Amino acid sequence: MDRTPKLTLDQELQAAVAIVRVGLERLRDAACRTEEVGPHAAALQALYDPAKPDVGVLAAVADVVGTITVSMGDVDHDDMERVTELLDEAQGHVQDSTGDRIRHALDLLAPLLLRCETCGKREADVTVMDERYAAAVDPDRAEYPQMTLCPSCATDRFEDS
């Protein structure tokens, strides 16, 4: 027995839009809670990652537009060819035009990202943190030496200490 309440099409679409908006707000909040460049770059990569262009938010939007376009091919109407042509262009613009601009912005931001002291990588998740060994040896100290590490190197350093 199906106990799922039946939604009207409008209700279903409003719910889907609300869910998408919540996700986008989380991306915005994660990026903008600090002035550091890393979280901003990470949020932009969640929208469009040049290394994985088929994974981000823009890819999902393009996929939805593409699926709707294919589905519209079954509709018999004189203007349907123009409709699918416009939707094909829209799908391309989502990733090609918008994605290309985000890629360019990420390229400009790359030199501003922090560099991991251990591996040398410049990535969005490299952060400045307390030197874990000093913190473990002298837990009562007011301040500890700072290190700039990526999560992987921070984990390795902590495990080694």
N, C-alpha and C. Protein backbone atom coordinates (compact mmCIF):
# COMPACT_ATOMS: atom_id res chain seq x y z
N MET A 1 0.84 -1.17 0.00
CA MET A 1 0.00 0.00 0.00
C MET A 1 0.89 1.24 0.00
N ASP A 2 0.67 2.13 -0.94
CA ASP A 2 1.45 3.35 -1.07
C ASP A 2 0.89 4.42 -0.14
N ARG A 3 1.71 4.84 0.84
CA ARG A 3 1.25 5.85 1.80
C ARG A 3 1.82 7.23 1.49
N THR A 4 2.49 7.34 0.35
CA THR A 4 3.05 8.62 -0.04
C THR A 4 1.91 9.54 -0.47
N PRO A 5 1.84 10.73 0.13
CA PRO A 5 0.78 11.64 -0.28
C PRO A 5 0.99 12.07 -1.74
N LYS A 6 -0.06 12.18 -2.46
CA LYS A 6 0.02 12.58 -3.85
C LYS A 6 0.08 14.10 -3.93
N LEU A 7 1.08 14.58 -4.62
CA LEU A 7 1.24 16.02 -4.81
C LEU A 7 0.78 16.40 -6.19
N THR A 8 0.28 17.60 -6.31
CA THR A 8 -0.01 18.11 -7.65
C THR A 8 1.33 18.38 -8.32
N LEU A 9 1.33 18.55 -9.62
CA LEU A 9 2.56 18.84 -10.35
C LEU A 9 3.20 20.12 -9.81
N ASP A 10 2.37 21.13 -9.58
CA ASP A 10 2.89 22.40 -9.06
C ASP A 10 3.53 22.21 -7.68
N GLN A 11 2.90 21.44 -6.81
CA GLN A 11 3.46 21.18 -5.48
C GLN A 11 4.77 20.40 -5.58
N GLU A 12 4.81 19.42 -6.46
CA GLU A 12 6.01 18.62 -6.64
C GLU A 12 7.17 19.49 -7.14
N LEU A 13 6.89 20.36 -8.09
CA LEU A 13 7.93 21.23 -8.63
C LEU A 13 8.37 22.27 -7.59
N GLN A 14 7.43 22.81 -6.83
CA GLN A 14 7.78 23.77 -5.77
C GLN A 14 8.67 23.10 -4.72
N ALA A 15 8.36 21.87 -4.37
CA ALA A 15 9.18 21.14 -3.40
C ALA A 15 10.59 20.91 -3.95
N ALA A 16 10.68 20.53 -5.22
CA ALA A 16 11.99 20.31 -5.84
C ALA A 16 12.82 21.59 -5.86
N VAL A 17 12.19 22.70 -6.21
CA VAL A 17 12.88 23.98 -6.24
C VAL A 17 13.34 24.36 -4.83
N ALA A 18 12.52 24.12 -3.84
CA ALA A 18 12.89 24.43 -2.45
C ALA A 18 14.11 23.62 -2.02
N ILE A 19 14.14 22.35 -2.40
CA ILE A 19 15.28 21.49 -2.06
C ILE A 19 16.55 22.02 -2.73
N VAL A 20 16.45 22.37 -3.99
CA VAL A 20 17.61 22.90 -4.71
C VAL A 20 18.08 24.20 -4.07
N ARG A 21 17.15 25.06 -3.70
CA ARG A 21 17.51 26.33 -3.07
C ARG A 21 18.24 26.11 -1.74
N VAL A 22 17.80 25.13 -0.97
CA VAL A 22 18.47 24.83 0.30
C VAL A 22 19.91 24.40 0.03
N GLY A 23 20.10 23.54 -0.95
CA GLY A 23 21.46 23.11 -1.30
C GLY A 23 22.32 24.27 -1.75
N LEU A 24 21.78 25.15 -2.58
CA LEU A 24 22.54 26.31 -3.04
C LEU A 24 22.85 27.27 -1.90
N GLU A 25 21.92 27.43 -0.98
CA GLU A 25 22.18 28.27 0.19
C GLU A 25 23.32 27.69 1.03
N ARG A 26 23.38 26.37 1.14
CA ARG A 26 24.48 25.73 1.88
C ARG A 26 25.81 25.99 1.20
N LEU A 27 25.84 25.93 -0.12
CA LEU A 27 27.07 26.25 -0.85
C LEU A 27 27.48 27.70 -0.59
N ARG A 28 26.52 28.60 -0.69
CA ARG A 28 26.81 30.01 -0.46
C ARG A 28 27.30 30.24 0.96
N ASP A 29 26.64 29.63 1.93
CA ASP A 29 27.03 29.82 3.33
C ASP A 29 28.42 29.25 3.62
N ALA A 30 28.73 28.09 3.04
CA ALA A 30 30.04 27.50 3.24
C ALA A 30 31.15 28.39 2.67
N ALA A 31 30.86 29.02 1.55
CA ALA A 31 31.85 29.90 0.92
C ALA A 31 32.01 31.22 1.66
N CYS A 32 30.91 31.77 2.10
CA CYS A 32 30.92 33.17 2.55
C CYS A 32 31.04 33.35 4.05
N ARG A 33 31.25 32.30 4.81
CA ARG A 33 31.37 32.46 6.26
C ARG A 33 32.75 32.95 6.66
N THR A 34 33.65 33.05 5.69
CA THR A 34 35.01 33.50 5.95
C THR A 34 35.47 34.35 4.78
N GLU A 35 36.53 35.11 5.01
CA GLU A 35 37.12 35.89 3.92
C GLU A 35 38.20 35.11 3.19
N GLU A 36 38.51 33.89 3.66
CA GLU A 36 39.54 33.08 3.03
C GLU A 36 39.10 32.66 1.63
N VAL A 37 40.05 32.53 0.74
CA VAL A 37 39.76 32.19 -0.65
C VAL A 37 39.36 30.72 -0.80
N GLY A 38 39.94 29.83 0.01
CA GLY A 38 39.71 28.39 -0.14
C GLY A 38 38.24 27.99 -0.16
N PRO A 39 37.45 28.40 0.83
CA PRO A 39 36.03 28.02 0.81
C PRO A 39 35.27 28.59 -0.39
N HIS A 40 35.65 29.79 -0.82
CA HIS A 40 35.01 30.37 -2.01
C HIS A 40 35.31 29.52 -3.24
N ALA A 41 36.58 29.15 -3.39
CA ALA A 41 36.97 28.31 -4.53
C ALA A 41 36.30 26.94 -4.46
N ALA A 42 36.21 26.37 -3.26
CA ALA A 42 35.57 25.06 -3.11
C ALA A 42 34.10 25.11 -3.51
N ALA A 43 33.41 26.17 -3.13
CA ALA A 43 32.00 26.31 -3.50
C ALA A 43 31.85 26.48 -5.01
N LEU A 44 32.75 27.26 -5.62
CA LEU A 44 32.70 27.41 -7.08
C LEU A 44 32.97 26.06 -7.76
N GLN A 45 33.90 25.27 -7.20
CA GLN A 45 34.16 23.94 -7.76
C GLN A 45 32.97 23.01 -7.59
N ALA A 46 32.18 23.21 -6.55
CA ALA A 46 30.97 22.40 -6.38
C ALA A 46 29.96 22.74 -7.47
N LEU A 47 29.98 23.98 -7.91
CA LEU A 47 29.11 24.37 -9.02
C LEU A 47 29.65 23.81 -10.33
N TYR A 48 30.95 23.98 -10.54
CA TYR A 48 31.58 23.50 -11.77
C TYR A 48 33.04 23.21 -11.49
N ASP A 49 33.45 21.96 -11.58
CA ASP A 49 34.83 21.57 -11.37
C ASP A 49 35.43 21.24 -12.74
N PRO A 50 36.37 22.06 -13.20
CA PRO A 50 36.96 21.81 -14.52
C PRO A 50 37.58 20.41 -14.64
N ALA A 51 38.07 19.86 -13.54
CA ALA A 51 38.65 18.51 -13.58
C ALA A 51 37.58 17.43 -13.70
N LYS A 52 36.37 17.73 -13.26
CA LYS A 52 35.25 16.77 -13.32
C LYS A 52 33.99 17.52 -13.77
N PRO A 53 33.95 17.95 -15.03
CA PRO A 53 32.83 18.79 -15.49
C PRO A 53 31.46 18.12 -15.46
N ASP A 54 31.42 16.80 -15.36
CA ASP A 54 30.13 16.09 -15.37
C ASP A 54 29.60 15.82 -13.98
N VAL A 55 30.18 16.45 -12.93
CA VAL A 55 29.83 16.11 -11.57
C VAL A 55 29.09 17.21 -10.81
N GLY A 56 29.36 18.46 -11.04
CA GLY A 56 28.86 19.55 -10.21
C GLY A 56 27.40 19.92 -10.44
N VAL A 57 27.02 20.99 -9.80
CA VAL A 57 25.65 21.50 -9.87
C VAL A 57 25.28 21.86 -11.31
N LEU A 58 26.19 22.53 -12.02
CA LEU A 58 25.88 22.90 -13.40
C LEU A 58 25.66 21.67 -14.27
N ALA A 59 26.41 20.60 -14.01
CA ALA A 59 26.22 19.35 -14.76
C ALA A 59 24.83 18.78 -14.49
N ALA A 60 24.39 18.88 -13.24
CA ALA A 60 23.05 18.37 -12.90
C ALA A 60 21.97 19.19 -13.60
N VAL A 61 22.14 20.51 -13.63
CA VAL A 61 21.17 21.36 -14.32
C VAL A 61 21.17 21.04 -15.81
N ALA A 62 22.35 20.92 -16.39
CA ALA A 62 22.44 20.60 -17.82
C ALA A 62 21.81 19.24 -18.11
N ASP A 63 21.98 18.29 -17.21
CA ASP A 63 21.40 16.96 -17.40
C ASP A 63 19.87 17.03 -17.39
N VAL A 64 19.32 17.82 -16.47
CA VAL A 64 17.85 17.96 -16.42
C VAL A 64 17.34 18.60 -17.70
N VAL A 65 18.00 19.66 -18.15
CA VAL A 65 17.58 20.32 -19.39
C VAL A 65 17.69 19.34 -20.56
N GLY A 66 18.76 18.56 -20.60
CA GLY A 66 18.94 17.59 -21.68
C GLY A 66 17.88 16.50 -21.67
N THR A 67 17.55 16.01 -20.48
CA THR A 67 16.53 14.98 -20.37
C THR A 67 15.17 15.51 -20.81
N ILE A 68 14.85 16.72 -20.39
CA ILE A 68 13.58 17.35 -20.81
C ILE A 68 13.58 17.53 -22.32
N THR A 69 14.71 17.93 -22.89
CA THR A 69 14.81 18.12 -24.34
C THR A 69 14.53 16.82 -25.08
N VAL A 70 15.13 15.74 -24.63
CA VAL A 70 14.90 14.44 -25.28
C VAL A 70 13.44 14.04 -25.15
N SER A 71 12.87 14.25 -23.98
CA SER A 71 11.48 13.90 -23.75
C SER A 71 10.54 14.72 -24.64
N MET A 72 10.91 15.97 -24.87
CA MET A 72 10.07 16.84 -25.72
C MET A 72 10.06 16.37 -27.18
N GLY A 73 11.04 15.56 -27.55
CA GLY A 73 11.08 15.04 -28.90
C GLY A 73 9.89 14.17 -29.25
N ASP A 74 9.20 13.67 -28.23
CA ASP A 74 8.02 12.83 -28.46
C ASP A 74 6.75 13.65 -28.71
N VAL A 75 6.83 14.95 -28.48
CA VAL A 75 5.65 15.81 -28.67
C VAL A 75 5.52 16.17 -30.15
N ASP A 76 4.33 15.98 -30.67
CA ASP A 76 4.08 16.27 -32.08
C ASP A 76 3.49 17.68 -32.20
N HIS A 77 4.36 18.63 -32.61
CA HIS A 77 3.92 20.01 -32.77
C HIS A 77 4.87 20.68 -33.76
N ASP A 78 4.35 21.63 -34.51
CA ASP A 78 5.15 22.30 -35.55
C ASP A 78 6.37 23.03 -34.97
N ASP A 79 6.25 23.60 -33.79
CA ASP A 79 7.34 24.38 -33.20
C ASP A 79 8.31 23.54 -32.36
N MET A 80 8.09 22.23 -32.30
CA MET A 80 8.89 21.40 -31.41
C MET A 80 10.37 21.38 -31.81
N GLU A 81 10.67 21.45 -33.09
CA GLU A 81 12.07 21.47 -33.52
C GLU A 81 12.77 22.72 -32.97
N ARG A 82 12.09 23.85 -33.02
CA ARG A 82 12.68 25.10 -32.49
C ARG A 82 12.81 25.02 -30.96
N VAL A 83 11.83 24.41 -30.30
CA VAL A 83 11.88 24.26 -28.84
C VAL A 83 13.09 23.41 -28.46
N THR A 84 13.27 22.28 -29.11
CA THR A 84 14.40 21.42 -28.76
C THR A 84 15.74 22.08 -29.12
N GLU A 85 15.74 22.86 -30.18
CA GLU A 85 16.95 23.60 -30.55
C GLU A 85 17.32 24.61 -29.44
N LEU A 86 16.33 25.33 -28.95
CA LEU A 86 16.56 26.30 -27.87
C LEU A 86 17.02 25.60 -26.59
N LEU A 87 16.40 24.47 -26.28
CA LEU A 87 16.79 23.74 -25.08
C LEU A 87 18.20 23.15 -25.21
N ASP A 88 18.55 22.68 -26.41
CA ASP A 88 19.92 22.21 -26.63
C ASP A 88 20.93 23.33 -26.39
N GLU A 89 20.60 24.53 -26.88
CA GLU A 89 21.48 25.68 -26.66
C GLU A 89 21.56 26.02 -25.17
N ALA A 90 20.43 25.98 -24.50
CA ALA A 90 20.41 26.27 -23.06
C ALA A 90 21.28 25.27 -22.30
N GLN A 91 21.18 24.00 -22.66
CA GLN A 91 21.98 22.97 -22.00
C GLN A 91 23.46 23.25 -22.21
N GLY A 92 23.83 23.62 -23.40
CA GLY A 92 25.23 23.93 -23.69
C GLY A 92 25.72 25.14 -22.93
N HIS A 93 24.89 26.17 -22.83
CA HIS A 93 25.29 27.39 -22.13
C HIS A 93 25.53 27.14 -20.64
N VAL A 94 24.75 26.26 -20.05
CA VAL A 94 24.89 26.00 -18.62
C VAL A 94 26.31 25.58 -18.30
N GLN A 95 26.81 24.60 -19.01
CA GLN A 95 28.15 24.12 -18.70
C GLN A 95 29.23 24.84 -19.48
N ASP A 96 29.00 25.10 -20.75
CA ASP A 96 30.06 25.69 -21.56
C ASP A 96 30.30 27.15 -21.20
N SER A 97 29.28 27.94 -21.24
CA SER A 97 29.46 29.37 -21.00
C SER A 97 29.66 29.67 -19.51
N THR A 98 28.72 29.24 -18.68
CA THR A 98 28.83 29.49 -17.24
C THR A 98 30.02 28.73 -16.67
N GLY A 99 30.17 27.48 -17.05
CA GLY A 99 31.28 26.67 -16.55
C GLY A 99 32.62 27.26 -16.95
N ASP A 100 32.73 27.76 -18.17
CA ASP A 100 33.99 28.35 -18.62
C ASP A 100 34.34 29.59 -17.80
N ARG A 101 33.35 30.38 -17.47
CA ARG A 101 33.60 31.57 -16.65
C ARG A 101 34.04 31.19 -15.23
N ILE A 102 33.41 30.17 -14.67
CA ILE A 102 33.82 29.70 -13.33
C ILE A 102 35.23 29.12 -13.40
N ARG A 103 35.54 28.36 -14.46
CA ARG A 103 36.88 27.81 -14.63
C ARG A 103 37.92 28.93 -14.67
N HIS A 104 37.62 29.98 -15.41
CA HIS A 104 38.54 31.11 -15.50
C HIS A 104 38.70 31.79 -14.14
N ALA A 105 37.61 31.96 -13.41
CA ALA A 105 37.69 32.55 -12.06
C ALA A 105 38.54 31.67 -11.15
N LEU A 106 38.36 30.35 -11.22
CA LEU A 106 39.16 29.43 -10.41
C LEU A 106 40.64 29.52 -10.77
N ASP A 107 40.94 29.67 -12.05
CA ASP A 107 42.34 29.84 -12.47
C ASP A 107 42.94 31.09 -11.85
N LEU A 108 42.16 32.17 -11.80
CA LEU A 108 42.64 33.42 -11.21
C LEU A 108 42.80 33.31 -9.70
N LEU A 109 41.95 32.50 -9.08
CA LEU A 109 42.01 32.33 -7.62
C LEU A 109 43.11 31.36 -7.18
N ALA A 110 43.53 30.47 -8.05
CA ALA A 110 44.49 29.42 -7.68
C ALA A 110 45.74 29.94 -6.98
N PRO A 111 46.37 31.02 -7.46
CA PRO A 111 47.57 31.50 -6.76
C PRO A 111 47.29 32.05 -5.36
N LEU A 112 46.04 32.34 -5.07
CA LEU A 112 45.68 32.88 -3.76
C LEU A 112 45.40 31.79 -2.73
N LEU A 113 45.29 30.54 -3.18
CA LEU A 113 45.03 29.44 -2.26
C LEU A 113 46.29 29.16 -1.44
N LEU A 114 46.09 28.72 -0.20
CA LEU A 114 47.21 28.38 0.67
C LEU A 114 47.93 27.14 0.14
N ARG A 115 49.25 27.08 0.36
CA ARG A 115 50.06 25.95 -0.07
C ARG A 115 50.36 25.06 1.14
N CYS A 116 50.14 23.77 0.99
CA CYS A 116 50.45 22.80 2.05
C CYS A 116 51.97 22.76 2.27
N GLU A 117 52.38 22.89 3.52
CA GLU A 117 53.80 22.88 3.84
C GLU A 117 54.47 21.54 3.55
N THR A 118 53.71 20.47 3.59
CA THR A 118 54.28 19.14 3.42
C THR A 118 54.33 18.70 1.96
N CYS A 119 53.19 18.71 1.29
CA CYS A 119 53.14 18.20 -0.08
C CYS A 119 53.25 19.30 -1.14
N GLY A 120 53.06 20.55 -0.74
CA GLY A 120 53.19 21.66 -1.67
C GLY A 120 51.97 21.97 -2.52
N LYS A 121 50.89 21.22 -2.34
CA LYS A 121 49.69 21.44 -3.15
C LYS A 121 48.98 22.72 -2.72
N ARG A 122 48.45 23.42 -3.71
CA ARG A 122 47.58 24.58 -3.46
C ARG A 122 46.16 24.12 -3.74
N GLU A 123 45.39 23.94 -2.68
CA GLU A 123 44.02 23.47 -2.83
C GLU A 123 43.10 24.23 -1.89
N ALA A 124 41.81 24.14 -2.17
CA ALA A 124 40.81 24.89 -1.41
C ALA A 124 40.74 24.45 0.05
N ASP A 125 41.09 23.20 0.35
CA ASP A 125 40.95 22.71 1.72
C ASP A 125 42.23 22.78 2.55
N VAL A 126 43.26 23.46 2.05
CA VAL A 126 44.48 23.67 2.84
C VAL A 126 44.17 24.75 3.87
N THR A 127 44.49 24.47 5.13
CA THR A 127 44.18 25.42 6.20
C THR A 127 45.36 25.58 7.15
N VAL A 128 45.32 26.69 7.87
CA VAL A 128 46.31 26.95 8.91
C VAL A 128 45.76 26.34 10.19
N MET A 129 46.62 25.55 10.87
CA MET A 129 46.18 24.87 12.09
C MET A 129 47.32 24.82 13.09
N ASP A 130 46.96 24.52 14.34
CA ASP A 130 47.98 24.33 15.37
C ASP A 130 48.84 23.13 15.01
N GLU A 131 50.13 23.22 15.31
CA GLU A 131 51.03 22.09 15.12
C GLU A 131 50.64 21.04 16.15
N ARG A 132 50.14 19.91 15.71
CA ARG A 132 49.53 18.90 16.57
C ARG A 132 50.51 18.29 17.58
N TYR A 133 51.74 18.09 17.17
CA TYR A 133 52.70 17.48 18.08
C TYR A 133 52.94 18.39 19.28
N ALA A 134 53.13 19.68 19.03
CA ALA A 134 53.35 20.63 20.14
C ALA A 134 52.12 20.68 21.04
N ALA A 135 50.94 20.61 20.46
CA ALA A 135 49.71 20.63 21.25
C ALA A 135 49.58 19.38 22.10
N ALA A 136 50.03 18.24 21.57
CA ALA A 136 49.95 16.99 22.33
C ALA A 136 50.99 16.95 23.46
N VAL A 137 52.18 17.49 23.20
CA VAL A 137 53.25 17.48 24.19
C VAL A 137 52.99 18.48 25.31
N ASP A 138 52.47 19.65 24.95
CA ASP A 138 52.27 20.72 25.92
C ASP A 138 50.83 21.25 25.81
N PRO A 139 49.84 20.50 26.34
CA PRO A 139 48.43 20.88 26.17
C PRO A 139 48.03 22.17 26.90
N ASP A 140 48.83 22.62 27.86
CA ASP A 140 48.47 23.81 28.64
C ASP A 140 49.00 25.11 28.03
N ARG A 141 49.73 25.00 26.99
CA ARG A 141 50.31 26.17 26.35
C ARG A 141 49.21 27.06 25.77
N ALA A 142 49.38 28.37 25.81
CA ALA A 142 48.37 29.30 25.32
C ALA A 142 48.33 29.34 23.79
N GLU A 143 49.49 29.30 23.16
CA GLU A 143 49.55 29.34 21.70
C GLU A 143 50.50 28.27 21.21
N TYR A 144 50.23 27.78 20.03
CA TYR A 144 51.07 26.74 19.44
C TYR A 144 51.58 27.23 18.10
N PRO A 145 52.69 26.67 17.65
CA PRO A 145 53.16 27.01 16.30
C PRO A 145 52.07 26.64 15.29
N GLN A 146 51.98 27.43 14.24
CA GLN A 146 50.97 27.21 13.21
C GLN A 146 51.58 26.49 12.02
N MET A 147 50.77 25.64 11.39
CA MET A 147 51.18 24.91 10.19
C MET A 147 50.09 25.08 9.15
N THR A 148 50.49 25.08 7.91
CA THR A 148 49.55 25.15 6.80
C THR A 148 49.57 23.80 6.11
N LEU A 149 48.47 23.04 6.27
CA LEU A 149 48.43 21.67 5.77
C LEU A 149 47.12 21.35 5.07
N CYS A 150 47.20 20.41 4.13
CA CYS A 150 45.99 19.86 3.52
C CYS A 150 45.48 18.77 4.47
N PRO A 151 44.24 18.36 4.36
CA PRO A 151 43.70 17.34 5.27
C PRO A 151 44.51 16.04 5.28
N SER A 152 44.97 15.60 4.13
CA SER A 152 45.72 14.35 4.06
C SER A 152 47.04 14.45 4.82
N CYS A 153 47.77 15.53 4.60
CA CYS A 153 49.05 15.71 5.29
C CYS A 153 48.84 15.97 6.78
N ALA A 154 47.76 16.65 7.13
CA ALA A 154 47.45 16.89 8.55
C ALA A 154 47.17 15.56 9.24
N THR A 155 46.43 14.68 8.59
CA THR A 155 46.13 13.36 9.16
C THR A 155 47.42 12.56 9.31
N ASP A 156 48.24 12.55 8.26
CA ASP A 156 49.51 11.81 8.32
C ASP A 156 50.40 12.34 9.44
N ARG A 157 50.47 13.64 9.58
CA ARG A 157 51.33 14.25 10.61
C ARG A 157 50.80 13.90 12.00
N PHE A 158 49.48 13.95 12.16
CA PHE A 158 48.88 13.62 13.46
C PHE A 158 49.15 12.15 13.80
N GLU A 159 48.98 11.27 12.84
CA GLU A 159 49.21 9.84 13.08
C GLU A 159 50.67 9.55 13.39
N ASP A 160 51.57 10.30 12.76
CA ASP A 160 53.01 10.12 13.02
C ASP A 160 53.44 10.63 14.38
N SER A 161 52.68 11.59 14.93
CA SER A 161 53.08 12.19 16.21
C SER A 161 52.61 11.36 17.32
